[in-house]
């Protein structure tokens, strides 16, 4: 029985007893007029309760005709016959043994003991009510529709919204009387994008940072209010892999996009503005190069904005390539110009580090024990973004922002999800890389060709370069396309990879939307999705199920011959292997490990 009916039953009994106190003598439970003297329940005037066929009402008219009521001579209700005689006593009638005098009103009866099913639990003096927490106070992703000045497409900003009412969970009072509630885990997410990824693009266009963020919010984090990207076909089995932690909250609000030279117009000016404000110095050859490049790029924006037309690699930003080259170096003794010394001090990393420390300090300053939270930080990095992620973790580890908060965050609150990485994070300790990181790279991801390039770089220049994570055929995600297993290692050598990347799809449009997928999913026609090895590197094909690269779409005939080992094979994309479930599983493991203190 619920508490509400139990309280109602007790209230009803109490009200009935109260009416009994105010009734006329001899009319203990009368509520509608007077009965003949001595006739308490009977309609035939038997004052001593003899046997008769009367129809009685009230609590006292049950089972036996001899039971008038269960009261002692003082008017107190008892649940059994009067103790002195072990027999039933009429309800205070004149002449009954020990009956009270008529002139003296009976004292108010004690409330009857309720039946076990109707018993109301006594309040716990140590219990207290906690504010909302957990999935009831879930994260919500919202979009601002208005574009920023000079930028195409909607501006997407993921925001946390508390939508909860009370969750009904109780806390316990401490010795000081304060209410101590369960600490609510809060996961803060940050995303560093890869090379050649502009900040924004036209509506429905893939390959920009805000498209990536929307895809992460919906397909990976399951933020409430975020629409799966691209809807409506995203219904694969990978989405059934749980990623949320019960009782936790998720925050994905700080935009930490890695600027790219592929962003044209106003963004190009913003990209070069901080560089041009700095005074070139011989001690920073990288700054000298960037200053020179931006001077040229501002006069000919298409060079920096869209690569060099007519050459292999068109669409790459030379500025992005130079920055990646600087980050990939790892000279002995370190340098602020290259490697970790450069990555840990970029504006993007400083911005995220400041946000993390601010959230951690706010947590430490909490005084209301009823609203305690514990802040955790998860960095999601793709491609070149892994250099920034390593720089951020290194900055925390080395307390480059002063104070000890950074080290505490690094040791107990930080985790990294590494996707398609050119970098195996050598500057972080082995324990962190083992317990606080998960890395996934498809077996046909073009980034693996950098192992061969790094070896050539070391042999030719004597400078150690960063490398992708070591391959693990049993643990790495499967290839996007089913390349012949014996051929794939050779295709990932630097020279062969360059050849395959040149086998782009036929001239646009590369796919027929009437036959493949929903007509609204125009992103599926993006040519990069059908370039061998490149398509396996794209974030879209890590975070979609089914993959954004669609089977049956026309591809380069030479690429089809290599895929199918048949010169007569139809030149269409083969069946793909989604890996979204593996990515979601890895993220869930990281989050649970943070809570468990691993």
Protein backbone atom coordinates (compact mmCIF):
# COMPACT_ATOMS: atom_id res chain seq x y z
CA UNK A 1 0.00 0.00 0.00
CA UNK A 2 1.32 3.44 -0.82
CA UNK A 3 1.92 6.10 1.79
CA UNK A 4 -0.97 8.31 0.63
CA UNK A 5 -3.75 5.72 1.18
CA UNK A 6 -2.18 4.77 4.53
CA UNK A 7 -2.32 8.37 5.74
CA UNK A 8 -5.94 8.65 4.52
CA UNK A 9 -6.94 5.54 6.49
CA UNK A 10 -5.39 6.86 9.70
CA UNK A 11 -7.03 10.26 9.19
CA UNK A 12 -10.43 8.63 8.66
CA UNK A 13 -10.13 6.58 11.88
CA UNK A 14 -9.02 9.65 13.84
CA UNK A 15 -11.93 11.72 12.54
CA UNK A 16 -14.43 9.00 13.46
CA UNK A 17 -13.04 8.77 16.99
CA UNK A 18 -13.25 12.53 17.36
CA UNK A 19 -16.91 12.44 16.48
CA UNK A 20 -17.40 9.77 19.18
CA UNK A 21 -16.07 12.08 21.88
CA UNK A 22 -18.69 14.73 21.08
CA UNK A 23 -21.68 12.36 20.78
CA UNK A 24 -24.43 12.27 23.42
CA UNK A 25 -23.99 9.85 26.36
CA UNK A 26 -24.96 6.41 25.29
CA UNK A 27 -24.44 7.36 21.63
CA UNK A 28 -20.76 6.62 21.33
CA UNK A 29 -20.60 6.47 17.53
CA UNK A 30 -23.96 8.04 16.66
CA UNK A 31 -23.76 10.57 13.86
CA UNK A 32 -27.33 10.92 12.63
CA UNK A 33 -29.79 11.76 15.42
CA UNK A 34 -30.50 10.15 18.77
CA UNK A 35 -31.09 6.43 19.40
CA UNK A 36 -33.28 5.10 22.23
CA UNK A 37 -31.48 5.02 25.58
CA UNK A 38 -29.24 2.01 25.86
CA UNK A 39 -29.47 1.23 22.18
CA UNK A 40 -25.97 1.68 20.93
CA UNK A 41 -25.96 -0.36 17.72
CA UNK A 42 -29.13 -2.44 17.88
CA UNK A 43 -32.42 -1.54 16.22
CA UNK A 44 -34.33 -3.62 18.78
CA UNK A 45 -33.33 -1.92 22.05
CA UNK A 46 -31.30 -4.73 23.68
CA UNK A 47 -29.17 -2.77 26.18
CA UNK A 48 -26.93 -5.70 27.11
CA UNK A 49 -26.00 -7.00 23.73
CA UNK A 50 -27.99 -10.20 23.68
CA UNK A 51 -28.16 -12.25 20.55
CA UNK A 52 -30.38 -10.76 17.90
CA UNK A 53 -30.36 -10.43 14.14
CA UNK A 54 -29.46 -6.77 14.10
CA UNK A 55 -27.38 -5.23 11.34
CA UNK A 56 -24.69 -3.21 13.03
CA UNK A 57 -22.32 -0.63 11.67
CA UNK A 58 -18.98 0.71 12.83
CA UNK A 59 -15.72 -0.86 13.97
CA UNK A 60 -17.35 -2.46 17.03
CA UNK A 61 -20.05 -4.45 15.23
CA UNK A 62 -17.91 -7.30 13.92
CA UNK A 63 -17.91 -11.11 14.18
CA UNK A 64 -19.90 -11.73 17.43
CA UNK A 65 -23.22 -10.23 18.51
CA UNK A 66 -21.86 -9.98 22.02
CA UNK A 67 -19.18 -7.58 20.90
CA UNK A 68 -20.52 -4.07 21.44
CA UNK A 69 -17.23 -2.28 21.46
CA UNK A 70 -13.69 -2.76 22.65
CA UNK A 71 -13.28 -0.17 25.38
CA UNK A 72 -12.23 -0.32 28.97
CA UNK A 73 -14.46 1.38 31.58
CA UNK A 74 -12.50 4.61 31.18
CA UNK A 75 -13.44 4.77 27.52
CA UNK A 76 -10.06 3.73 26.13
CA UNK A 77 -10.29 1.59 23.02
CA UNK A 78 -8.54 -1.76 23.31
CA UNK A 79 -8.08 -4.42 20.60
CA UNK A 80 -9.28 -7.32 22.79
CA UNK A 81 -11.78 -8.11 25.60
CA UNK A 82 -11.49 -6.22 28.86
CA UNK A 83 -8.44 -7.55 30.66
CA UNK A 84 -9.93 -7.96 34.17
CA UNK A 85 -12.82 -10.20 33.23
CA UNK A 86 -11.63 -11.41 29.82
CA UNK A 87 -15.08 -10.63 28.48
CA UNK A 88 -16.60 -7.96 26.34
CA UNK A 89 -17.87 -4.85 28.13
CA UNK A 90 -20.77 -2.74 26.82
CA UNK A 91 -19.67 0.71 25.83
CA UNK A 92 -19.89 2.54 29.15
CA UNK A 93 -23.63 1.88 29.67
CA UNK A 94 -25.17 2.54 33.10
CA UNK A 95 -25.06 -0.57 35.26
CA UNK A 96 -22.14 -2.18 33.51
CA UNK A 97 -19.20 -3.08 35.73
CA UNK A 98 -16.92 -0.14 36.26
CA UNK A 99 -18.91 2.12 33.99
CA UNK A 100 -17.94 5.79 34.20
CA UNK A 101 -20.39 8.24 35.73
CA UNK A 102 -22.60 9.98 33.25
CA UNK A 103 -21.60 13.38 34.56
CA UNK A 104 -17.94 12.77 33.88
CA UNK A 105 -17.13 12.77 30.18
CA UNK A 106 -14.84 10.03 29.01
CA UNK A 107 -11.32 11.12 28.10
CA UNK A 108 -10.37 11.27 24.45
CA UNK A 109 -9.64 7.76 23.23
CA UNK A 110 -6.15 6.89 22.07
CA UNK A 111 -5.84 6.34 18.32
CA UNK A 112 -6.22 2.70 17.36
CA UNK A 113 -3.21 0.73 16.21
CA UNK A 114 -3.42 0.56 12.41
CA UNK A 115 -3.31 -2.68 10.53
CA UNK A 116 0.18 -3.70 9.32
CA UNK A 117 -0.64 -2.96 5.69
CA UNK A 118 -1.77 0.54 6.59
CA UNK A 119 1.14 1.34 8.88
CA UNK A 120 2.85 4.61 8.04
CA UNK A 121 6.63 4.53 8.36
CA UNK A 122 7.93 6.96 10.90
CA UNK A 123 10.19 9.65 9.38
CA UNK A 124 13.91 9.03 9.72
CA UNK A 125 15.48 11.89 11.57
CA UNK A 126 18.68 11.29 9.62
CA UNK A 127 17.06 11.21 6.16
CA UNK A 128 16.90 14.31 3.96
CA UNK A 129 15.84 15.11 0.42
CA UNK A 130 18.39 15.62 -2.34
CA UNK A 131 18.06 17.85 -5.41
CA UNK A 132 17.67 16.37 -8.90
CA UNK A 133 20.56 14.38 -10.32
CA UNK A 134 21.42 11.88 -12.97
CA UNK A 135 19.64 11.18 -16.19
CA UNK A 136 16.59 13.11 -14.99
CA UNK A 137 18.84 16.16 -15.21
CA UNK A 138 20.12 15.17 -18.61
CA UNK A 139 22.26 17.04 -21.06
CA UNK A 140 20.59 18.71 -23.99
CA UNK A 141 22.11 19.77 -27.28
CA UNK A 142 20.58 22.86 -28.86
CA UNK A 143 21.33 24.71 -32.05
CA UNK A 144 21.34 28.41 -32.69
CA UNK A 145 19.99 28.84 -36.19
CA UNK A 146 21.49 32.23 -36.95
CA UNK A 147 24.88 32.02 -38.74
CA UNK A 148 27.83 33.99 -37.50
CA UNK A 149 28.88 36.96 -39.64
CA UNK A 150 30.97 35.92 -42.59
CA UNK A 151 30.37 32.20 -42.05
CA UNK A 152 28.06 29.88 -43.93
CA UNK A 153 25.71 27.46 -42.29
CA UNK A 154 24.11 27.38 -38.85
CA UNK A 155 26.15 27.86 -35.73
CA UNK A 156 25.89 24.80 -33.52
CA UNK A 157 26.51 25.12 -29.80
CA UNK A 158 25.89 22.21 -27.48
CA UNK A 159 24.47 23.38 -24.17
CA UNK A 160 23.70 21.71 -20.86
CA UNK A 161 20.13 22.07 -19.65
CA UNK A 162 18.71 20.84 -16.33
CA UNK A 163 15.25 19.48 -17.14
CA UNK A 164 14.71 17.48 -13.95
CA UNK A 165 12.16 17.46 -11.22
CA UNK A 166 12.95 15.80 -7.92
CA UNK A 167 14.34 12.32 -8.41
CA UNK A 168 13.06 10.98 -5.08
CA UNK A 169 16.45 9.90 -3.80
CA UNK A 170 17.20 10.63 -0.17
CA UNK A 171 20.44 11.64 1.43
CA UNK A 172 21.68 11.24 5.00
CA UNK A 173 22.28 13.91 7.57
CA UNK A 174 25.78 14.29 8.93
CA UNK A 175 26.68 14.85 12.58
CA UNK A 176 26.52 18.57 11.93
CA UNK A 177 22.94 18.27 10.68
CA UNK A 178 23.78 18.99 7.03
CA UNK A 179 22.23 16.87 4.30
CA UNK A 180 24.89 14.83 2.51
CA UNK A 181 23.71 13.69 -0.94
CA UNK A 182 25.30 11.46 -3.53
CA UNK A 183 27.98 13.21 -5.56
CA UNK A 184 26.84 13.66 -9.18
CA UNK A 185 29.49 12.86 -11.83
CA UNK A 186 29.69 15.54 -14.55
CA UNK A 187 31.49 14.64 -17.78
CA UNK A 188 32.87 17.61 -19.72
CA UNK A 189 33.74 16.84 -23.35
CA UNK A 190 36.15 18.66 -25.67
CA UNK A 191 36.80 17.94 -29.33
CA UNK A 192 39.94 18.64 -31.37
CA UNK A 193 39.37 18.17 -35.11
CA UNK A 194 41.81 17.04 -37.77
CA UNK A 195 43.69 18.66 -40.61
CA UNK A 196 41.93 20.53 -43.44
CA UNK A 197 38.71 20.86 -41.44
CA UNK A 198 37.11 24.30 -41.76
CA UNK A 199 35.08 25.69 -38.89
CA UNK A 200 31.76 25.67 -40.76
CA UNK A 201 30.29 24.88 -44.14
CA UNK A 202 27.10 25.18 -46.18
CA UNK A 203 23.97 23.58 -44.67
CA UNK A 204 24.06 19.80 -45.02
CA UNK A 205 27.75 19.75 -45.99
CA UNK A 206 30.05 17.35 -44.15
CA UNK A 207 33.74 17.83 -43.42
CA UNK A 208 33.64 20.87 -41.11
CA UNK A 209 34.16 21.15 -37.37
CA UNK A 210 30.57 22.03 -36.54
CA UNK A 211 29.29 19.07 -38.53
CA UNK A 212 31.69 16.89 -36.53
CA UNK A 213 30.49 18.36 -33.21
CA UNK A 214 26.85 17.75 -34.07
CA UNK A 215 27.70 14.17 -35.04
CA UNK A 216 29.58 13.63 -31.76
CA UNK A 217 26.72 15.07 -29.70
CA UNK A 218 24.09 12.84 -31.30
CA UNK A 219 25.81 9.66 -32.48
CA UNK A 220 28.43 9.28 -29.75
CA UNK A 221 27.30 11.11 -26.61
CA UNK A 222 23.54 10.56 -26.94
CA UNK A 223 22.82 14.10 -25.80
CA UNK A 224 19.11 14.70 -25.48
CA UNK A 225 17.76 16.95 -28.21
CA UNK A 226 20.57 16.14 -30.67
CA UNK A 227 19.49 14.55 -33.97
CA UNK A 228 21.49 11.63 -35.29
CA UNK A 229 23.74 12.60 -38.17
CA UNK A 230 22.71 12.28 -40.88
CA UNK A 231 19.10 11.41 -40.06
CA UNK A 232 17.01 9.40 -40.65
CA UNK A 233 18.98 6.28 -41.64
CA UNK A 234 21.18 6.15 -38.53
CA UNK A 235 19.58 3.12 -36.88
CA UNK A 236 22.40 0.57 -36.93
CA UNK A 237 23.27 -1.93 -34.21
CA UNK A 238 26.14 0.25 -32.99
CA UNK A 239 23.68 2.63 -31.36
CA UNK A 240 22.59 -0.14 -29.01
CA UNK A 241 25.97 -0.09 -27.29
CA UNK A 242 25.37 1.93 -24.10
CA UNK A 243 27.46 5.03 -23.54
CA UNK A 244 25.66 6.90 -20.75
CA UNK A 245 26.49 6.43 -17.06
CA UNK A 246 23.41 6.29 -14.83
CA UNK A 247 23.15 9.28 -12.50
CA UNK A 248 25.67 11.39 -14.44
CA UNK A 249 25.46 14.58 -16.48
CA UNK A 250 27.16 15.47 -19.76
CA UNK A 251 28.43 18.88 -20.86
CA UNK A 252 29.59 19.59 -24.43
CA UNK A 253 29.54 23.34 -24.79
CA UNK A 254 33.03 24.77 -25.36
CA UNK A 255 33.86 25.02 -29.05
CA UNK A 256 37.53 24.06 -29.33
CA UNK A 257 37.92 23.69 -33.08
CA UNK A 258 41.41 23.60 -34.54
CA UNK A 259 41.50 26.47 -37.10
CA UNK A 260 42.20 25.50 -40.68
CA UNK A 261 43.39 27.33 -43.73
CA UNK A 262 40.56 25.68 -45.65
CA UNK A 263 38.15 28.15 -44.05
CA UNK A 264 37.76 30.96 -46.58
CA UNK A 265 36.69 34.59 -46.37
CA UNK A 266 36.52 36.14 -42.91
CA UNK A 267 37.85 32.98 -41.29
CA UNK A 268 41.04 33.24 -43.33
CA UNK A 269 41.63 36.72 -41.95
CA UNK A 270 40.96 35.45 -38.45
CA UNK A 271 43.35 32.58 -39.05
CA UNK A 272 46.21 34.89 -39.99
CA UNK A 273 45.42 37.82 -37.71
CA UNK A 274 47.22 36.56 -34.57
CA UNK A 275 50.21 35.49 -36.65
CA UNK A 276 50.56 38.87 -38.33
CA UNK A 277 50.36 40.65 -34.98
CA UNK A 278 53.51 38.90 -33.79
CA UNK A 279 56.94 40.25 -34.59
CA UNK A 280 58.92 37.76 -36.69
CA UNK A 281 62.05 36.48 -34.98
CA UNK A 282 64.99 34.43 -36.14
CA UNK A 283 64.50 32.25 -33.06
CA UNK A 284 61.15 31.07 -34.42
CA UNK A 285 61.53 29.95 -38.04
CA UNK A 286 57.96 28.64 -37.95
CA UNK A 287 56.61 32.12 -37.23
CA UNK A 288 58.74 33.52 -40.05
CA UNK A 289 57.19 31.02 -42.46
CA UNK A 290 53.64 31.64 -41.26
CA UNK A 291 54.07 35.40 -41.51
CA UNK A 292 55.30 35.08 -45.07
CA UNK A 293 52.55 32.64 -45.97
CA UNK A 294 49.76 34.79 -44.54
CA UNK A 295 51.07 37.82 -46.43
CA UNK A 296 50.75 35.82 -49.64
CA UNK A 297 47.48 34.15 -48.67
CA UNK A 298 45.69 37.40 -47.91
CA UNK A 299 46.42 38.55 -51.45
CA UNK A 300 45.56 35.17 -53.02
CA UNK A 301 43.13 33.49 -50.60
CA UNK A 302 42.44 30.52 -52.85
CA UNK A 303 46.03 29.31 -52.40
CA UNK A 304 45.67 28.94 -48.63
CA UNK A 305 41.97 28.37 -48.69
CA UNK A 306 41.72 25.53 -51.21
CA UNK A 307 45.20 24.21 -51.79
CA UNK A 308 46.94 24.49 -55.14
CA UNK A 309 44.59 23.48 -57.98
CA UNK A 310 45.97 21.06 -60.53
CA UNK A 311 48.40 19.34 -58.19
CA UNK A 312 47.97 16.11 -56.25
CA UNK A 313 46.72 16.98 -52.79
CA UNK A 314 44.54 19.83 -54.00
CA UNK A 315 42.12 20.68 -51.20
CA UNK A 316 44.84 20.51 -48.56
CA UNK A 317 45.80 23.70 -46.79
CA UNK A 318 49.57 24.16 -46.94
CA UNK A 319 49.35 25.99 -43.63
CA UNK A 320 47.68 22.95 -42.03
CA UNK A 321 50.37 20.69 -43.43
CA UNK A 322 53.12 22.90 -42.05
CA UNK A 323 51.54 22.96 -38.61
CA UNK A 324 51.18 19.18 -38.59
CA UNK A 325 54.80 18.86 -39.64
CA UNK A 326 55.87 21.02 -36.70
CA UNK A 327 53.78 19.02 -34.23
CA UNK A 328 55.01 15.66 -35.51
CA UNK A 329 58.67 16.39 -34.72
CA UNK A 330 60.16 15.32 -31.42
CA UNK A 331 63.70 16.76 -31.21
CA UNK A 332 66.01 15.76 -28.34
CA UNK A 333 65.71 18.18 -25.45
CA UNK A 334 62.47 19.64 -26.78
CA UNK A 335 61.77 22.99 -28.36
CA UNK A 336 59.00 25.60 -28.03
CA UNK A 337 58.88 25.78 -31.83
CA UNK A 338 58.03 22.17 -32.62
CA UNK A 339 56.70 19.00 -31.04
CA UNK A 340 55.07 18.98 -27.63
CA UNK A 341 56.52 22.40 -26.82
CA UNK A 342 54.47 23.86 -29.65
CA UNK A 343 51.28 21.79 -29.18
CA UNK A 344 50.99 22.43 -25.44
CA UNK A 345 51.05 26.19 -25.93
CA UNK A 346 48.63 26.71 -28.81
CA UNK A 347 45.64 28.97 -28.26
CA UNK A 348 43.24 26.05 -28.60
CA UNK A 349 44.95 24.07 -25.86
CA UNK A 350 45.22 27.08 -23.53
CA UNK A 351 41.49 27.76 -23.90
CA UNK A 352 40.47 24.21 -22.99
CA UNK A 353 42.99 24.03 -20.12
CA UNK A 354 41.57 27.22 -18.62
CA UNK A 355 38.00 25.85 -18.82
CA UNK A 356 39.00 22.59 -17.15
CA UNK A 357 40.82 24.30 -14.29
CA UNK A 358 37.93 26.71 -13.77
CA UNK A 359 35.44 23.82 -13.50
CA UNK A 360 37.74 21.97 -11.11
CA UNK A 361 38.13 25.02 -8.87
CA UNK A 362 34.37 25.55 -8.80
CA UNK A 363 33.95 21.96 -7.67
CA UNK A 364 36.50 22.36 -4.89
CA UNK A 365 34.72 25.49 -3.68
CA UNK A 366 31.33 23.77 -3.28
CA UNK A 367 29.81 24.28 0.15
CA UNK A 368 26.29 22.89 -0.22
CA UNK A 369 26.59 19.17 0.56
CA UNK A 370 23.21 18.64 -1.12
CA UNK A 371 24.49 19.73 -4.51
CA UNK A 372 27.91 18.15 -4.80
CA UNK A 373 29.32 17.37 -8.23
CA UNK A 374 32.56 15.77 -9.35
CA UNK A 375 33.99 17.08 -12.61
CA UNK A 376 35.56 14.73 -15.17
CA UNK A 377 37.09 15.70 -18.50
CA UNK A 378 37.05 13.62 -21.70
CA UNK A 379 38.96 14.78 -24.78
CA UNK A 380 37.86 13.40 -28.14
CA UNK A 381 40.54 13.82 -30.80
CA UNK A 382 40.59 12.93 -34.49
CA UNK A 383 43.60 12.91 -36.82
CA UNK A 384 45.77 16.01 -36.28
CA UNK A 385 43.62 16.83 -33.24
CA UNK A 386 45.57 14.14 -31.38
CA UNK A 387 48.61 16.45 -31.29
CA UNK A 388 46.49 19.03 -29.47
CA UNK A 389 45.05 16.38 -27.13
CA UNK A 390 48.53 15.23 -26.16
CA UNK A 391 49.56 18.86 -25.69
CA UNK A 392 46.59 19.43 -23.38
CA UNK A 393 47.32 16.37 -21.23
CA UNK A 394 51.00 17.32 -21.11
CA UNK A 395 50.09 20.85 -20.05
CA UNK A 396 48.02 19.47 -17.18
CA UNK A 397 50.73 17.01 -16.19
CA UNK A 398 53.46 19.66 -16.10
CA UNK A 399 51.23 22.30 -14.41
CA UNK A 400 52.04 24.86 -17.10
CA UNK A 401 49.12 26.98 -15.89
CA UNK A 402 50.51 27.27 -12.38
CA UNK A 403 49.11 25.77 -9.21
CA UNK A 404 48.56 22.08 -8.66
CA UNK A 405 45.08 21.76 -10.21
CA UNK A 406 46.46 20.66 -13.56
CA UNK A 407 48.35 17.74 -12.06
CA UNK A 408 45.33 16.66 -10.02
CA UNK A 409 43.18 16.73 -13.17
CA UNK A 410 45.78 14.72 -15.08
CA UNK A 411 46.08 12.11 -12.33
CA UNK A 412 42.41 11.56 -11.48
CA UNK A 413 39.97 13.33 -13.82
CA UNK A 414 41.22 13.25 -17.43
CA UNK A 415 40.68 10.70 -20.23
CA UNK A 416 41.36 10.76 -23.99
CA UNK A 417 39.53 9.01 -26.83
CA UNK A 418 41.96 8.90 -29.75
CA UNK A 419 40.61 8.25 -33.27
CA UNK A 420 42.69 7.83 -36.45
CA UNK A 421 45.75 9.21 -34.71
CA UNK A 422 49.15 10.02 -36.27
CA UNK A 423 50.50 10.22 -32.73
CA UNK A 424 50.97 7.59 -30.01
CA UNK A 425 51.32 10.20 -27.20
CA UNK A 426 54.97 9.49 -26.24
CA UNK A 427 55.15 12.41 -23.77
CA UNK A 428 52.55 10.90 -21.46
CA UNK A 429 53.40 8.19 -18.96
CA UNK A 430 52.62 4.57 -19.65
CA UNK A 431 50.04 4.26 -16.88
CA UNK A 432 47.99 7.11 -18.32
CA UNK A 433 48.19 5.68 -21.83
CA UNK A 434 47.10 2.26 -20.57
CA UNK A 435 44.27 3.26 -18.21
CA UNK A 436 43.04 6.66 -19.40
CA UNK A 437 43.21 6.29 -23.15
CA UNK A 438 41.46 4.28 -25.82
CA UNK A 439 42.64 4.48 -29.41
CA UNK A 440 40.94 3.17 -32.52
CA UNK A 441 42.32 3.27 -36.06
CA UNK A 442 40.78 1.39 -38.98
CA UNK A 443 43.07 -1.11 -40.64
CA UNK A 444 42.83 0.71 -43.99
CA UNK A 445 43.15 4.24 -42.56
CA UNK A 446 45.62 6.26 -44.61
CA UNK A 447 47.12 7.64 -41.38
CA UNK A 448 48.96 4.32 -40.99
CA UNK A 449 51.13 5.26 -43.97
CA UNK A 450 52.84 7.79 -41.69
CA UNK A 451 54.77 4.96 -40.06
CA UNK A 452 56.67 4.53 -43.30
CA UNK A 453 57.12 8.28 -43.69
CA UNK A 454 58.34 8.66 -40.09
CA UNK A 455 60.99 6.00 -40.66
CA UNK A 456 62.20 7.81 -43.79
CA UNK A 457 62.20 11.11 -41.86
CA UNK A 458 64.37 9.68 -39.11
CA UNK A 459 66.80 8.07 -41.53
CA UNK A 460 67.10 11.16 -43.70
CA UNK A 461 67.18 13.95 -41.09
CA UNK A 462 68.12 12.14 -37.90
CA UNK A 463 65.11 13.62 -36.08
CA UNK A 464 62.64 11.34 -34.36
CA UNK A 465 59.06 11.80 -35.53
CA UNK A 466 55.82 10.79 -33.94
CA UNK A 467 54.14 7.66 -35.26
CA UNK A 468 50.61 6.22 -35.27
CA UNK A 469 49.67 3.67 -32.63
CA UNK A 470 51.14 0.19 -33.26
CA UNK A 471 48.90 -2.06 -35.33
CA UNK A 472 46.94 -4.86 -33.71
CA UNK A 473 45.13 -6.97 -36.29
CA UNK A 474 43.03 -8.63 -33.56
CA UNK A 475 42.12 -5.46 -31.68
CA UNK A 476 42.02 -2.72 -34.32
CA UNK A 477 38.70 -1.85 -35.97
CA UNK A 478 38.14 -3.59 -39.32
CA UNK A 479 38.87 -1.83 -42.60
CA UNK A 480 36.10 0.27 -44.12
CA UNK A 481 36.39 -1.60 -47.42
CA UNK A 482 37.26 -5.29 -47.63
CA UNK A 483 40.68 -5.01 -49.25
CA UNK A 484 42.50 -8.30 -49.93
CA UNK A 485 44.31 -8.86 -46.59
CA UNK A 486 47.61 -9.73 -48.23
CA UNK A 487 47.63 -6.53 -50.28
CA UNK A 488 46.68 -3.97 -47.65
CA UNK A 489 50.09 -3.66 -45.92
CA UNK A 490 51.69 -2.81 -49.27
CA UNK A 491 48.98 -0.25 -50.04
CA UNK A 492 49.80 1.52 -46.77
CA UNK A 493 53.40 2.13 -47.76
CA UNK A 494 53.96 5.79 -48.46
CA UNK A 495 54.37 5.53 -52.24
CA UNK A 496 51.49 3.13 -52.81
CA UNK A 497 49.21 5.09 -50.49
CA UNK A 498 49.84 8.21 -52.55
CA UNK A 499 48.83 6.34 -55.67
CA UNK A 500 45.61 5.02 -54.19
CA UNK A 501 44.64 8.43 -52.84
CA UNK A 502 44.84 9.69 -56.41
CA UNK A 503 42.09 7.26 -57.47
CA UNK A 504 39.22 9.60 -56.78
CA UNK A 505 35.60 8.92 -57.75
CA UNK A 506 34.13 9.79 -61.15
CA UNK A 507 33.18 13.43 -61.80
CA UNK A 508 30.26 14.73 -59.78
CA UNK A 509 27.69 13.67 -58.98
CA UNK A 510 29.41 10.54 -57.64
CA UNK A 511 26.22 8.88 -56.44
CA UNK A 512 22.57 8.54 -57.37
CA UNK A 513 20.48 9.51 -54.34
CA UNK A 514 17.38 8.02 -55.91
CA UNK A 515 18.92 4.59 -55.59
CA UNK A 516 21.09 5.00 -52.49
CA UNK A 517 19.85 6.27 -49.17
CA UNK A 518 17.47 9.07 -48.35
CA UNK A 519 17.27 11.97 -50.76
CA UNK A 520 17.91 14.43 -47.92
CA UNK A 521 21.28 12.92 -47.08
CA UNK A 522 23.27 14.86 -49.62
CA UNK A 523 26.43 14.44 -47.55
CA UNK A 524 26.62 10.87 -48.86
CA UNK A 525 27.59 12.26 -52.24
CA UNK A 526 30.74 13.97 -50.95
CA UNK A 527 33.61 12.76 -53.12
CA UNK A 528 36.04 12.22 -50.22
CA UNK A 529 33.84 9.37 -48.99
CA UNK A 530 34.82 7.32 -52.05
CA UNK A 531 38.58 7.96 -52.20
CA UNK A 532 40.48 4.79 -51.18
CA UNK A 533 42.22 4.96 -47.77
CA UNK A 534 41.10 8.57 -47.27
CA UNK A 535 37.49 7.48 -46.69
CA UNK A 536 38.59 5.13 -43.91
CA UNK A 537 40.23 8.09 -42.15
CA UNK A 538 37.16 10.35 -42.06
CA UNK A 539 35.44 10.87 -38.70
CA UNK A 540 32.08 10.29 -40.42
CA UNK A 541 32.96 6.63 -40.99
CA UNK A 542 33.92 6.15 -37.34
CA UNK A 543 30.71 7.66 -35.94
CA UNK A 544 27.95 6.45 -38.28
CA UNK A 545 26.05 3.18 -38.55
CA UNK A 546 25.47 2.53 -41.38
CA UNK A 547 28.59 4.31 -42.58
CA UNK A 548 28.31 7.52 -44.51
CA UNK A 549 30.25 5.89 -47.35
CA UNK A 550 27.41 4.06 -49.09
CA UNK A 551 27.73 0.70 -50.87
CA UNK A 552 26.80 0.70 -54.55
CA UNK A 553 27.94 4.25 -55.27
CA UNK A 554 30.20 4.54 -58.38
CA UNK A 555 33.95 4.58 -57.65
CA UNK A 556 37.15 4.79 -59.68
CA UNK A 557 37.47 1.72 -61.98
CA UNK A 558 41.14 1.23 -61.05
CA UNK A 559 40.26 1.28 -57.36
CA UNK A 560 37.55 -1.33 -58.06
CA UNK A 561 40.09 -3.60 -59.77
CA UNK A 562 42.35 -3.46 -56.70
CA UNK A 563 39.46 -4.04 -54.34
CA UNK A 564 37.93 -6.98 -56.17
CA UNK A 565 41.09 -8.32 -57.89
CA UNK A 566 39.03 -8.49 -61.03
CA UNK A 567 39.44 -6.25 -64.07
CA UNK A 568 35.85 -6.95 -65.03
CA UNK A 569 34.43 -6.01 -61.60
CA UNK A 570 31.67 -3.44 -61.50
CA UNK A 571 33.13 -0.11 -60.35
CA UNK A 572 30.90 0.50 -57.33
CA UNK A 573 31.65 0.83 -53.63
CA UNK A 574 31.61 -2.46 -51.70
CA UNK A 575 29.83 -3.26 -48.46
CA UNK A 576 31.23 -1.35 -45.49
CA UNK A 577 31.94 -2.29 -41.87
CA UNK A 578 30.59 0.19 -39.24
CA UNK A 579 32.67 0.63 -36.07
CA UNK A 580 30.41 3.00 -34.11
CA UNK A 581 29.69 0.29 -31.53
CA UNK A 582 33.43 -0.10 -30.82
CA UNK A 583 33.85 3.66 -30.39
CA UNK A 584 30.90 3.91 -28.02
CA UNK A 585 32.18 0.97 -26.00
CA UNK A 586 35.61 2.59 -25.68
CA UNK A 587 34.09 5.86 -24.46
CA UNK A 588 31.92 4.07 -21.91
CA UNK A 589 35.00 2.24 -20.56
CA UNK A 590 36.87 5.52 -20.16
CA UNK A 591 34.00 7.14 -18.27
CA UNK A 592 33.49 4.17 -15.96
CA UNK A 593 37.23 4.02 -15.33
CA UNK A 594 37.25 7.66 -14.23
CA UNK A 595 34.43 7.05 -11.77
CA UNK A 596 36.08 3.90 -10.44
CA UNK A 597 39.33 5.77 -9.95
CA UNK A 598 41.35 3.69 -12.37
